[in-house]
Amino acid sequence: MDAEVITGEDMLDIEVSSGFGCDLISDSLCFSRPECLLITGLTNIQIVRVADMIEARAILFVRGKKPGRDIIRVAREKKLPLMVTRRFLFESCGLLYQHGLRSS
């Protein structure tokens, strides 16, 4: 993924059961599954709260979007790894699918 780890370097060995790519908070709440990798371009504080609610294991931000300090702080408190890739959402999901990650 050529991803940069923002926080959670010590948690990169956790397993995710599936992936879910979306830029809508409502869809993330309705269609994702626990223990997923949340793949999104949303970089507001609500996305970390959504990830916590759906019990996501990590967040991958796409399109090179980097989260702000408040998001990083909350993610650290929640023990939620954050990563950033310059790839687009579609490409990121496709690459992860090619390597065996399935959808929620």
PDB file of N, CA and C in Angstrom:
ATOM      1  N   MET A   1       0.815  -1.203   0.000  1.00  0.00           N
ATOM      2  CA  MET A   1       0.000   0.000   0.000  1.00  0.00           C
ATOM      3  C   MET A   1       0.849   1.254   0.000  1.00  0.00           C
ATOM      4  N   ASP A   2       2.133   1.110   0.242  1.00  0.00           N
ATOM      5  CA  ASP A   2       2.990   2.290   0.370  1.00  0.00           C
ATOM      6  C   ASP A   2       2.404   3.255   1.391  1.00  0.00           C
ATOM      7  N   ALA A   3       1.968   2.710   2.515  1.00  0.00           N
ATOM      8  CA  ALA A   3       1.307   3.526   3.531  1.00  0.00           C
ATOM      9  C   ALA A   3       2.298   3.999   4.585  1.00  0.00           C
ATOM     10  N   GLU A   4       2.060   5.210   5.048  1.00  0.00           N
ATOM     11  CA  GLU A   4       2.818   5.785   6.160  1.00  0.00           C
ATOM     12  C   GLU A   4       2.016   5.541   7.435  1.00  0.00           C
ATOM     13  N   VAL A   5       2.671   5.018   8.451  1.00  0.00           N
ATOM     14  CA  VAL A   5       2.002   4.788   9.726  1.00  0.00           C
ATOM     15  C   VAL A   5       2.038   6.087  10.523  1.00  0.00           C
ATOM     16  N   ILE A   6       0.883   6.565  10.905  1.00  0.00           N
ATOM     17  CA  ILE A   6       0.764   7.803  11.674  1.00  0.00           C
ATOM     18  C   ILE A   6       0.839   7.513  13.167  1.00  0.00           C
ATOM     19  N   THR A   7       0.126   6.501  13.595  1.00  0.00           N
ATOM     20  CA  THR A   7       0.160   6.062  14.992  1.00  0.00           C
ATOM     21  C   THR A   7      -0.207   4.590  15.048  1.00  0.00           C
ATOM     22  N   GLY A   8       0.265   3.923  16.089  1.00  0.00           N
ATOM     23  CA  GLY A   8      -0.032   2.510  16.255  1.00  0.00           C
ATOM     24  C   GLY A   8       1.012   1.582  15.675  1.00  0.00           C
ATOM     25  N   GLU A   9       2.248   2.074  15.557  1.00  0.00           N
ATOM     26  CA  GLU A   9       3.327   1.251  14.991  1.00  0.00           C
ATOM     27  C   GLU A   9       3.462  -0.077  15.721  1.00  0.00           C
ATOM     28  N   ASP A  10       3.192  -0.074  17.006  1.00  0.00           N
ATOM     29  CA  ASP A  10       3.330  -1.284  17.813  1.00  0.00           C
ATOM     30  C   ASP A  10       2.136  -2.228  17.674  1.00  0.00           C
ATOM     31  N   MET A  11       1.132  -1.844  16.881  1.00  0.00           N
ATOM     32  CA  MET A  11      -0.068  -2.674  16.734  1.00  0.00           C
ATOM     33  C   MET A  11      -0.268  -3.175  15.307  1.00  0.00           C
ATOM     34  N   LEU A  12       0.750  -3.095  14.479  1.00  0.00           N
ATOM     35  CA  LEU A  12       0.581  -3.448  13.078  1.00  0.00           C
ATOM     36  C   LEU A  12       0.464  -4.949  12.836  1.00  0.00           C
ATOM     37  N   ASP A  13       0.651  -5.746  13.867  1.00  0.00           N
ATOM     38  CA  ASP A  13       0.509  -7.190  13.701  1.00  0.00           C
ATOM     39  C   ASP A  13      -0.907  -7.679  14.007  1.00  0.00           C
ATOM     40  N   ILE A  14      -1.826  -6.762  14.297  1.00  0.00           N
ATOM     41  CA  ILE A  14      -3.201  -7.177  14.559  1.00  0.00           C
ATOM     42  C   ILE A  14      -3.834  -7.679  13.266  1.00  0.00           C
ATOM     43  N   GLU A  15      -4.783  -8.584  13.409  1.00  0.00           N
ATOM     44  CA  GLU A  15      -5.473  -9.118  12.248  1.00  0.00           C
ATOM     45  C   GLU A  15      -6.797  -8.390  12.049  1.00  0.00           C
ATOM     46  N   VAL A  16      -7.117  -8.165  10.791  1.00  0.00           N
ATOM     47  CA  VAL A  16      -8.416  -7.596  10.438  1.00  0.00           C
ATOM     48  C   VAL A  16      -9.205  -8.687   9.719  1.00  0.00           C
ATOM     49  N   SER A  17     -10.497  -8.719   9.958  1.00  0.00           N
ATOM     50  CA  SER A  17     -11.317  -9.769   9.356  1.00  0.00           C
ATOM     51  C   SER A  17     -11.807  -9.393   7.963  1.00  0.00           C
ATOM     52  N   SER A  18     -11.830  -8.094   7.670  1.00  0.00           N
ATOM     53  CA  SER A  18     -12.344  -7.632   6.385  1.00  0.00           C
ATOM     54  C   SER A  18     -11.930  -6.178   6.178  1.00  0.00           C
ATOM     55  N   GLY A  19     -12.278  -5.667   5.019  1.00  0.00           N
ATOM     56  CA  GLY A  19     -12.029  -4.264   4.717  1.00  0.00           C
ATOM     57  C   GLY A  19     -13.329  -3.579   4.343  1.00  0.00           C
ATOM     58  N   PHE A  20     -13.401  -2.294   4.624  1.00  0.00           N
ATOM     59  CA  PHE A  20     -14.583  -1.524   4.249  1.00  0.00           C
ATOM     60  C   PHE A  20     -14.132  -0.152   3.777  1.00  0.00           C
ATOM     61  N   GLY A  21     -14.383   0.169   2.511  1.00  0.00           N
ATOM     62  CA  GLY A  21     -13.998   1.449   1.943  1.00  0.00           C
ATOM     63  C   GLY A  21     -15.198   2.332   1.729  1.00  0.00           C
ATOM     64  N   CYS A  22     -15.133   3.559   2.266  1.00  0.00           N
ATOM     65  CA  CYS A  22     -16.285   4.442   2.182  1.00  0.00           C
ATOM     66  C   CYS A  22     -15.908   5.862   2.596  1.00  0.00           C
ATOM     67  N   ASP A  23     -16.569   6.840   2.006  1.00  0.00           N
ATOM     68  CA  ASP A  23     -16.406   8.229   2.407  1.00  0.00           C
ATOM     69  C   ASP A  23     -17.690   8.801   3.003  1.00  0.00           C
ATOM     70  N   LEU A  24     -18.603   7.936   3.391  1.00  0.00           N
ATOM     71  CA  LEU A  24     -19.846   8.373   4.029  1.00  0.00           C
ATOM     72  C   LEU A  24     -19.940   7.766   5.424  1.00  0.00           C
ATOM     73  N   ILE A  25     -20.098   8.601   6.420  1.00  0.00           N
ATOM     74  CA  ILE A  25     -20.193   8.111   7.794  1.00  0.00           C
ATOM     75  C   ILE A  25     -21.422   7.217   7.953  1.00  0.00           C
ATOM     76  N   SER A  26     -22.528   7.592   7.351  1.00  0.00           N
ATOM     77  CA  SER A  26     -23.758   6.797   7.494  1.00  0.00           C
ATOM     78  C   SER A  26     -23.568   5.392   6.937  1.00  0.00           C
ATOM     79  N   ASP A  27     -22.908   5.261   5.799  1.00  0.00           N
ATOM     80  CA  ASP A  27     -22.658   3.928   5.234  1.00  0.00           C
ATOM     81  C   ASP A  27     -21.687   3.140   6.101  1.00  0.00           C
ATOM     82  N   SER A  28     -20.704   3.813   6.662  1.00  0.00           N
ATOM     83  CA  SER A  28     -19.769   3.135   7.554  1.00  0.00           C
ATOM     84  C   SER A  28     -20.496   2.537   8.750  1.00  0.00           C
ATOM     85  N   LEU A  29     -21.444   3.277   9.278  1.00  0.00           N
ATOM     86  CA  LEU A  29     -22.217   2.797  10.429  1.00  0.00           C
ATOM     87  C   LEU A  29     -23.153   1.649  10.057  1.00  0.00           C
ATOM     88  N   CYS A  30     -23.716   1.703   8.862  1.00  0.00           N
ATOM     89  CA  CYS A  30     -24.720   0.713   8.460  1.00  0.00           C
ATOM     90  C   CYS A  30     -24.142  -0.582   7.898  1.00  0.00           C
ATOM     91  N   PHE A  31     -23.041  -0.481   7.162  1.00  0.00           N
ATOM     92  CA  PHE A  31     -22.618  -1.636   6.369  1.00  0.00           C
ATOM     93  C   PHE A  31     -21.296  -2.273   6.780  1.00  0.00           C
ATOM     94  N   SER A  32     -20.512  -1.642   7.607  1.00  0.00           N
ATOM     95  CA  SER A  32     -19.218  -2.213   7.993  1.00  0.00           C
ATOM     96  C   SER A  32     -19.416  -3.281   9.055  1.00  0.00           C
ATOM     97  N   ARG A  33     -18.365  -4.054   9.285  1.00  0.00           N
ATOM     98  CA  ARG A  33     -18.393  -5.130  10.272  1.00  0.00           C
ATOM     99  C   ARG A  33     -17.297  -4.925  11.308  1.00  0.00           C
ATOM    100  N   PRO A  34     -17.491  -5.444  12.501  1.00  0.00           N
ATOM    101  CA  PRO A  34     -16.428  -5.368  13.514  1.00  0.00           C
ATOM    102  C   PRO A  34     -15.133  -6.010  13.002  1.00  0.00           C
ATOM    103  N   GLU A  35     -14.026  -5.528  13.513  1.00  0.00           N
ATOM    104  CA  GLU A  35     -12.682  -6.027  13.214  1.00  0.00           C
ATOM    105  C   GLU A  35     -12.238  -5.753  11.778  1.00  0.00           C
ATOM    106  N   CYS A  36     -12.853  -4.760  11.135  1.00  0.00           N
ATOM    107  CA  CYS A  36     -12.475  -4.431   9.761  1.00  0.00           C
ATOM    108  C   CYS A  36     -11.366  -3.379   9.729  1.00  0.00           C
ATOM    109  N   LEU A  37     -10.780  -3.252   8.565  1.00  0.00           N
ATOM    110  CA  LEU A  37      -9.908  -2.126   8.252  1.00  0.00           C
ATOM    111  C   LEU A  37     -10.806  -1.095   7.584  1.00  0.00           C
ATOM    112  N   LEU A  38     -10.942   0.075   8.175  1.00  0.00           N
ATOM    113  CA  LEU A  38     -11.770   1.134   7.605  1.00  0.00           C
ATOM    114  C   LEU A  38     -10.902   1.957   6.662  1.00  0.00           C
ATOM    115  N   ILE A  39     -11.292   2.017   5.397  1.00  0.00           N
ATOM    116  CA  ILE A  39     -10.527   2.711   4.360  1.00  0.00           C
ATOM    117  C   ILE A  39     -11.352   3.914   3.930  1.00  0.00           C
ATOM    118  N   THR A  40     -10.801   5.118   4.110  1.00  0.00           N
ATOM    119  CA  THR A  40     -11.610   6.320   3.897  1.00  0.00           C
ATOM    120  C   THR A  40     -10.748   7.535   3.566  1.00  0.00           C
ATOM    121  N   GLY A  41     -11.393   8.525   3.009  1.00  0.00           N
ATOM    122  CA  GLY A  41     -10.760   9.813   2.785  1.00  0.00           C
ATOM    123  C   GLY A  41     -11.228  10.858   3.778  1.00  0.00           C
ATOM    124  N   LEU A  42     -12.083  10.467   4.699  1.00  0.00           N
ATOM    125  CA  LEU A  42     -12.583  11.391   5.719  1.00  0.00           C
ATOM    126  C   LEU A  42     -11.548  11.573   6.812  1.00  0.00           C
ATOM    127  N   THR A  43     -11.206  12.798   7.091  1.00  0.00           N
ATOM    128  CA  THR A  43     -10.190  13.063   8.119  1.00  0.00           C
ATOM    129  C   THR A  43     -10.729  13.969   9.220  1.00  0.00           C
ATOM    130  N   ASN A  44     -11.983  13.779   9.571  1.00  0.00           N
ATOM    131  CA  ASN A  44     -12.530  14.543  10.691  1.00  0.00           C
ATOM    132  C   ASN A  44     -12.604  13.646  11.922  1.00  0.00           C
ATOM    133  N   ILE A  45     -12.803  14.246  13.065  1.00  0.00           N
ATOM    134  CA  ILE A  45     -12.804  13.507  14.328  1.00  0.00           C
ATOM    135  C   ILE A  45     -13.915  12.461  14.377  1.00  0.00           C
ATOM    136  N   GLN A  46     -15.001  12.697  13.660  1.00  0.00           N
ATOM    137  CA  GLN A  46     -16.111  11.746  13.677  1.00  0.00           C
ATOM    138  C   GLN A  46     -15.706  10.378  13.135  1.00  0.00           C
ATOM    139  N   ILE A  47     -14.766  10.324  12.210  1.00  0.00           N
ATOM    140  CA  ILE A  47     -14.403   9.028  11.627  1.00  0.00           C
ATOM    141  C   ILE A  47     -13.720   8.135  12.659  1.00  0.00           C
ATOM    142  N   VAL A  48     -12.979   8.718  13.593  1.00  0.00           N
ATOM    143  CA  VAL A  48     -12.373   7.917  14.657  1.00  0.00           C
ATOM    144  C   VAL A  48     -13.461   7.435  15.607  1.00  0.00           C
ATOM    145  N   ARG A  49     -14.436   8.254  15.869  1.00  0.00           N
ATOM    146  CA  ARG A  49     -15.538   7.841  16.735  1.00  0.00           C
ATOM    147  C   ARG A  49     -16.368   6.743  16.072  1.00  0.00           C
ATOM    148  N   VAL A  50     -16.576   6.868  14.765  1.00  0.00           N
ATOM    149  CA  VAL A  50     -17.272   5.819  14.018  1.00  0.00           C
ATOM    150  C   VAL A  50     -16.470   4.521  14.066  1.00  0.00           C
ATOM    151  N   ALA A  51     -15.177   4.608  13.841  1.00  0.00           N
ATOM    152  CA  ALA A  51     -14.323   3.417  13.883  1.00  0.00           C
ATOM    153  C   ALA A  51     -14.420   2.730  15.233  1.00  0.00           C
ATOM    154  N   ASP A  52     -14.479   3.515  16.283  1.00  0.00           N
ATOM    155  CA  ASP A  52     -14.615   2.954  17.622  1.00  0.00           C
ATOM    156  C   ASP A  52     -15.983   2.277  17.779  1.00  0.00           C
ATOM    157  N   MET A  53     -17.029   2.909  17.292  1.00  0.00           N
ATOM    158  CA  MET A  53     -18.386   2.358  17.402  1.00  0.00           C
ATOM    159  C   MET A  53     -18.535   1.042  16.643  1.00  0.00           C
ATOM    160  N   ILE A  54     -17.931   0.960  15.465  1.00  0.00           N
ATOM    161  CA  ILE A  54     -18.085  -0.250  14.655  1.00  0.00           C
ATOM    162  C   ILE A  54     -17.019  -1.292  14.991  1.00  0.00           C
ATOM    163  N   GLU A  55     -16.153  -0.953  15.947  1.00  0.00           N
ATOM    164  CA  GLU A  55     -15.081  -1.836  16.393  1.00  0.00           C
ATOM    165  C   GLU A  55     -14.092  -2.160  15.273  1.00  0.00           C
ATOM    166  N   ALA A  56     -13.775  -1.136  14.471  1.00  0.00           N
ATOM    167  CA  ALA A  56     -12.754  -1.298  13.428  1.00  0.00           C
ATOM    168  C   ALA A  56     -11.403  -1.509  14.094  1.00  0.00           C
ATOM    169  N   ARG A  57     -10.521  -2.205  13.420  1.00  0.00           N
ATOM    170  CA  ARG A  57      -9.198  -2.486  13.965  1.00  0.00           C
ATOM    171  C   ARG A  57      -8.174  -1.418  13.604  1.00  0.00           C
ATOM    172  N   ALA A  58      -8.404  -0.697  12.497  1.00  0.00           N
ATOM    173  CA  ALA A  58      -7.460   0.336  12.043  1.00  0.00           C
ATOM    174  C   ALA A  58      -8.157   1.186  10.994  1.00  0.00           C
ATOM    175  N   ILE A  59      -7.561   2.356  10.719  1.00  0.00           N
ATOM    176  CA  ILE A  59      -8.061   3.233   9.659  1.00  0.00           C
ATOM    177  C   ILE A  59      -6.927   3.482   8.674  1.00  0.00           C
ATOM    178  N   LEU A  60      -7.244   3.344   7.399  1.00  0.00           N
ATOM    179  CA  LEU A  60      -6.323   3.703   6.323  1.00  0.00           C
ATOM    180  C   LEU A  60      -6.919   4.902   5.607  1.00  0.00           C
ATOM    181  N   PHE A  61      -6.237   6.048   5.696  1.00  0.00           N
ATOM    182  CA  PHE A  61      -6.680   7.254   4.995  1.00  0.00           C
ATOM    183  C   PHE A  61      -6.097   7.243   3.591  1.00  0.00           C
ATOM    184  N   VAL A  62      -6.927   7.543   2.602  1.00  0.00           N
ATOM    185  CA  VAL A  62      -6.509   7.508   1.200  1.00  0.00           C
ATOM    186  C   VAL A  62      -6.298   8.917   0.652  1.00  0.00           C
ATOM    187  N   ARG A  63      -5.807   8.972  -0.560  1.00  0.00           N
ATOM    188  CA  ARG A  63      -5.571  10.228  -1.296  1.00  0.00           C
ATOM    189  C   ARG A  63      -4.574  11.137  -0.587  1.00  0.00           C
ATOM    190  N   GLY A  64      -3.722  10.548   0.245  1.00  0.00           N
ATOM    191  CA  GLY A  64      -2.696  11.329   0.934  1.00  0.00           C
ATOM    192  C   GLY A  64      -3.223  12.242   2.019  1.00  0.00           C
ATOM    193  N   LYS A  65      -4.456  12.059   2.410  1.00  0.00           N
ATOM    194  CA  LYS A  65      -5.054  12.907   3.444  1.00  0.00           C
ATOM    195  C   LYS A  65      -4.521  12.514   4.814  1.00  0.00           C
ATOM    196  N   LYS A  66      -3.954  13.470   5.504  1.00  0.00           N
ATOM    197  CA  LYS A  66      -3.388  13.203   6.829  1.00  0.00           C
ATOM    198  C   LYS A  66      -4.307  13.740   7.917  1.00  0.00           C
ATOM    199  N   PRO A  67      -4.519  12.935   8.947  1.00  0.00           N
ATOM    200  CA  PRO A  67      -5.383  13.379  10.043  1.00  0.00           C
ATOM    201  C   PRO A  67      -4.708  14.450  10.890  1.00  0.00           C
ATOM    202  N   GLY A  68      -5.521  15.277  11.510  1.00  0.00           N
ATOM    203  CA  GLY A  68      -5.018  16.320  12.394  1.00  0.00           C
ATOM    204  C   GLY A  68      -4.627  15.773  13.758  1.00  0.00           C
ATOM    205  N   ARG A  69      -4.041  16.646  14.570  1.00  0.00           N
ATOM    206  CA  ARG A  69      -3.560  16.235  15.900  1.00  0.00           C
ATOM    207  C   ARG A  69      -4.658  15.689  16.794  1.00  0.00           C
ATOM    208  N   ASP A  70      -5.858  16.283  16.715  1.00  0.00           N
ATOM    209  CA  ASP A  70      -6.946  15.807  17.566  1.00  0.00           C
ATOM    210  C   ASP A  70      -7.355  14.378  17.204  1.00  0.00           C
ATOM    211  N   ILE A  71      -7.354  14.068  15.928  1.00  0.00           N
ATOM    212  CA  ILE A  71      -7.682  12.713  15.475  1.00  0.00           C
ATOM    213  C   ILE A  71      -6.616  11.728  15.935  1.00  0.00           C
ATOM    214  N   ILE A  72      -5.363  12.113  15.800  1.00  0.00           N
ATOM    215  CA  ILE A  72      -4.259  11.253  16.226  1.00  0.00           C
ATOM    216  C   ILE A  72      -4.325  11.004  17.731  1.00  0.00           C
ATOM    217  N   ARG A  73      -4.615  12.035  18.488  1.00  0.00           N
ATOM    218  CA  ARG A  73      -4.713  11.903  19.945  1.00  0.00           C
ATOM    219  C   ARG A  73      -5.808  10.924  20.336  1.00  0.00           C
ATOM    220  N   VAL A  74      -6.983  11.066  19.747  1.00  0.00           N
ATOM    221  CA  VAL A  74      -8.097  10.181  20.078  1.00  0.00           C
ATOM    222  C   VAL A  74      -7.795   8.749  19.624  1.00  0.00           C
ATOM    223  N   ALA A  75      -7.185   8.600  18.465  1.00  0.00           N
ATOM    224  CA  ALA A  75      -6.825   7.260  17.977  1.00  0.00           C
ATOM    225  C   ALA A  75      -5.843   6.585  18.930  1.00  0.00           C
ATOM    226  N   ARG A  76      -4.891   7.341  19.454  1.00  0.00           N
ATOM    227  CA  ARG A  76      -3.957   6.777  20.434  1.00  0.00           C
ATOM    228  C   ARG A  76      -4.692   6.327  21.690  1.00  0.00           C
ATOM    229  N   GLU A  77      -5.609   7.150  22.153  1.00  0.00           N
ATOM    230  CA  GLU A  77      -6.401   6.797  23.340  1.00  0.00           C
ATOM    231  C   GLU A  77      -7.208   5.523  23.107  1.00  0.00           C
ATOM    232  N   LYS A  78      -7.712   5.350  21.893  1.00  0.00           N
ATOM    233  CA  LYS A  78      -8.535   4.192  21.545  1.00  0.00           C
ATOM    234  C   LYS A  78      -7.699   3.003  21.081  1.00  0.00           C
ATOM    235  N   LYS A  79      -6.364   3.188  21.030  1.00  0.00           N
ATOM    236  CA  LYS A  79      -5.461   2.142  20.537  1.00  0.00           C
ATOM    237  C   LYS A  79      -5.858   1.699  19.132  1.00  0.00           C
ATOM    238  N   LEU A  80      -6.014   2.693  18.252  1.00  0.00           N
ATOM    239  CA  LEU A  80      -6.454   2.482  16.889  1.00  0.00           C
ATOM    240  C   LEU A  80      -5.354   2.929  15.925  1.00  0.00           C
ATOM    241  N   PRO A  81      -4.726   2.004  15.227  1.00  0.00           N
ATOM    242  CA  PRO A  81      -3.686   2.397  14.269  1.00  0.00           C
ATOM    243  C   PRO A  81      -4.248   3.257  13.134  1.00  0.00           C
ATOM    244  N   LEU A  82      -3.468   4.262  12.739  1.00  0.00           N
ATOM    245  CA  LEU A  82      -3.814   5.123  11.616  1.00  0.00           C
ATOM    246  C   LEU A  82      -2.699   5.054  10.589  1.00  0.00           C
ATOM    247  N   MET A  83      -3.077   4.931   9.323  1.00  0.00           N
ATOM    248  CA  MET A  83      -2.122   4.906   8.224  1.00  0.00           C
ATOM    249  C   MET A  83      -2.618   5.800   7.102  1.00  0.00           C
ATOM    250  N   VAL A  84      -1.692   6.259   6.281  1.00  0.00           N
ATOM    251  CA  VAL A  84      -2.037   7.119   5.145  1.00  0.00           C
ATOM    252  C   VAL A  84      -1.371   6.571   3.897  1.00  0.00           C
ATOM    253  N   THR A  85      -2.142   6.503   2.798  1.00  0.00           N
ATOM    254  CA  THR A  85      -1.596   6.142   1.499  1.00  0.00           C
ATOM    255  C   THR A  85      -1.968   7.228   0.491  1.00  0.00           C
ATOM    256  N   ARG A  86      -1.136   7.395  -0.506  1.00  0.00           N
ATOM    257  CA  ARG A  86      -1.437   8.363  -1.555  1.00  0.00           C
ATOM    258  C   ARG A  86      -2.405   7.777  -2.584  1.00  0.00           C
ATOM    259  N   ARG A  87      -2.630   6.503  -2.513  1.00  0.00           N
ATOM    260  CA  ARG A  87      -3.529   5.843  -3.470  1.00  0.00           C
ATOM    261  C   ARG A  87      -4.974   6.297  -3.256  1.00  0.00           C
ATOM    262  N   PHE A  88      -5.773   6.160  -4.317  1.00  0.00           N
ATOM    263  CA  PHE A  88      -7.192   6.488  -4.230  1.00  0.00           C
ATOM    264  C   PHE A  88      -7.950   5.348  -3.554  1.00  0.00           C
ATOM    265  N   LEU A  89      -9.164   5.616  -3.126  1.00  0.00           N
ATOM    266  CA  LEU A  89      -9.987   4.635  -2.429  1.00  0.00           C
ATOM    267  C   LEU A  89     -10.183   3.375  -3.273  1.00  0.00           C
ATOM    268  N   PHE A  90     -10.542   3.539  -4.523  1.00  0.00           N
ATOM    269  CA  PHE A  90     -10.806   2.404  -5.413  1.00  0.00           C
ATOM    270  C   PHE A  90      -9.566   1.526  -5.562  1.00  0.00           C
ATOM    271  N   GLU A  91      -8.438   2.150  -5.819  1.00  0.00           N
ATOM    272  CA  GLU A  91      -7.196   1.398  -5.986  1.00  0.00           C
ATOM    273  C   GLU A  91      -6.795   0.699  -4.688  1.00  0.00           C
ATOM    274  N   SER A  92      -6.927   1.376  -3.564  1.00  0.00           N
ATOM    275  CA  SER A  92      -6.576   0.791  -2.266  1.00  0.00           C
ATOM    276  C   SER A  92      -7.413  -0.451  -1.986  1.00  0.00           C
ATOM    277  N   CYS A  93      -8.711  -0.344  -2.196  1.00  0.00           N
ATOM    278  CA  CYS A  93      -9.593  -1.490  -1.977  1.00  0.00           C
ATOM    279  C   CYS A  93      -9.241  -2.634  -2.921  1.00  0.00           C
ATOM    280  N   GLY A  94      -8.959  -2.309  -4.171  1.00  0.00           N
ATOM    281  CA  GLY A  94      -8.602  -3.332  -5.154  1.00  0.00           C
ATOM    282  C   GLY A  94      -7.320  -4.058  -4.795  1.00  0.00           C
ATOM    283  N   LEU A  95      -6.311  -3.320  -4.386  1.00  0.00           N
ATOM    284  CA  LEU A  95      -5.039  -3.944  -4.002  1.00  0.00           C
ATOM    285  C   LEU A  95      -5.199  -4.839  -2.777  1.00  0.00           C
ATOM    286  N   LEU A  96      -5.935  -4.353  -1.793  1.00  0.00           N
ATOM    287  CA  LEU A  96      -6.155  -5.158  -0.591  1.00  0.00           C
ATOM    288  C   LEU A  96      -6.969  -6.409  -0.922  1.00  0.00           C
ATOM    289  N   TYR A  97      -7.928  -6.293  -1.810  1.00  0.00           N
ATOM    290  CA  TYR A  97      -8.719  -7.443  -2.233  1.00  0.00           C
ATOM    291  C   TYR A  97      -7.829  -8.456  -2.956  1.00  0.00           C
ATOM    292  N   GLN A  98      -6.961  -7.966  -3.825  1.00  0.00           N
ATOM    293  CA  GLN A  98      -6.014  -8.844  -4.540  1.00  0.00           C
ATOM    294  C   GLN A  98      -5.147  -9.646  -3.584  1.00  0.00           C
ATOM    295  N   HIS A  99      -4.859  -9.066  -2.430  1.00  0.00           N
ATOM    296  CA  HIS A  99      -4.003  -9.724  -1.460  1.00  0.00           C
ATOM    297  C   HIS A  99      -4.788 -10.482  -0.383  1.00  0.00           C
ATOM    298  N   GLY A 100      -6.065 -10.726  -0.647  1.00  0.00           N
ATOM    299  CA  GLY A 100      -6.841 -11.611   0.204  1.00  0.00           C
ATOM    300  C   GLY A 100      -7.797 -10.973   1.192  1.00  0.00           C
ATOM    301  N   LEU A 101      -7.791  -9.653   1.312  1.00  0.00           N
ATOM    302  CA  LEU A 101      -8.730  -9.006   2.239  1.00  0.00           C
ATOM    303  C   LEU A 101     -10.094  -8.923   1.573  1.00  0.00           C
ATOM    304  N   ARG A 102     -11.111  -9.379   2.241  1.00  0.00           N
ATOM    305  CA  ARG A 102     -12.453  -9.386   1.688  1.00  0.00           C
ATOM    306  C   ARG A 102     -13.303  -8.292   2.317  1.00  0.00           C
ATOM    307  N   SER A 103     -14.466  -8.050   1.714  1.00  0.00           N
ATOM    308  CA  SER A 103     -15.318  -6.957   2.180  1.00  0.00           C
ATOM    309  C   SER A 103     -16.085  -7.337   3.427  1.00  0.00           C
ATOM    310  N   SER A 104     -16.545  -6.288   4.126  1.00  0.00           N
ATOM    311  CA  SER A 104     -17.359  -6.493   5.329  1.00  0.00           C
ATOM    312  C   SER A 104     -18.696  -7.073   4.973  1.00  0.00           C
TER     313      SER A 104
END
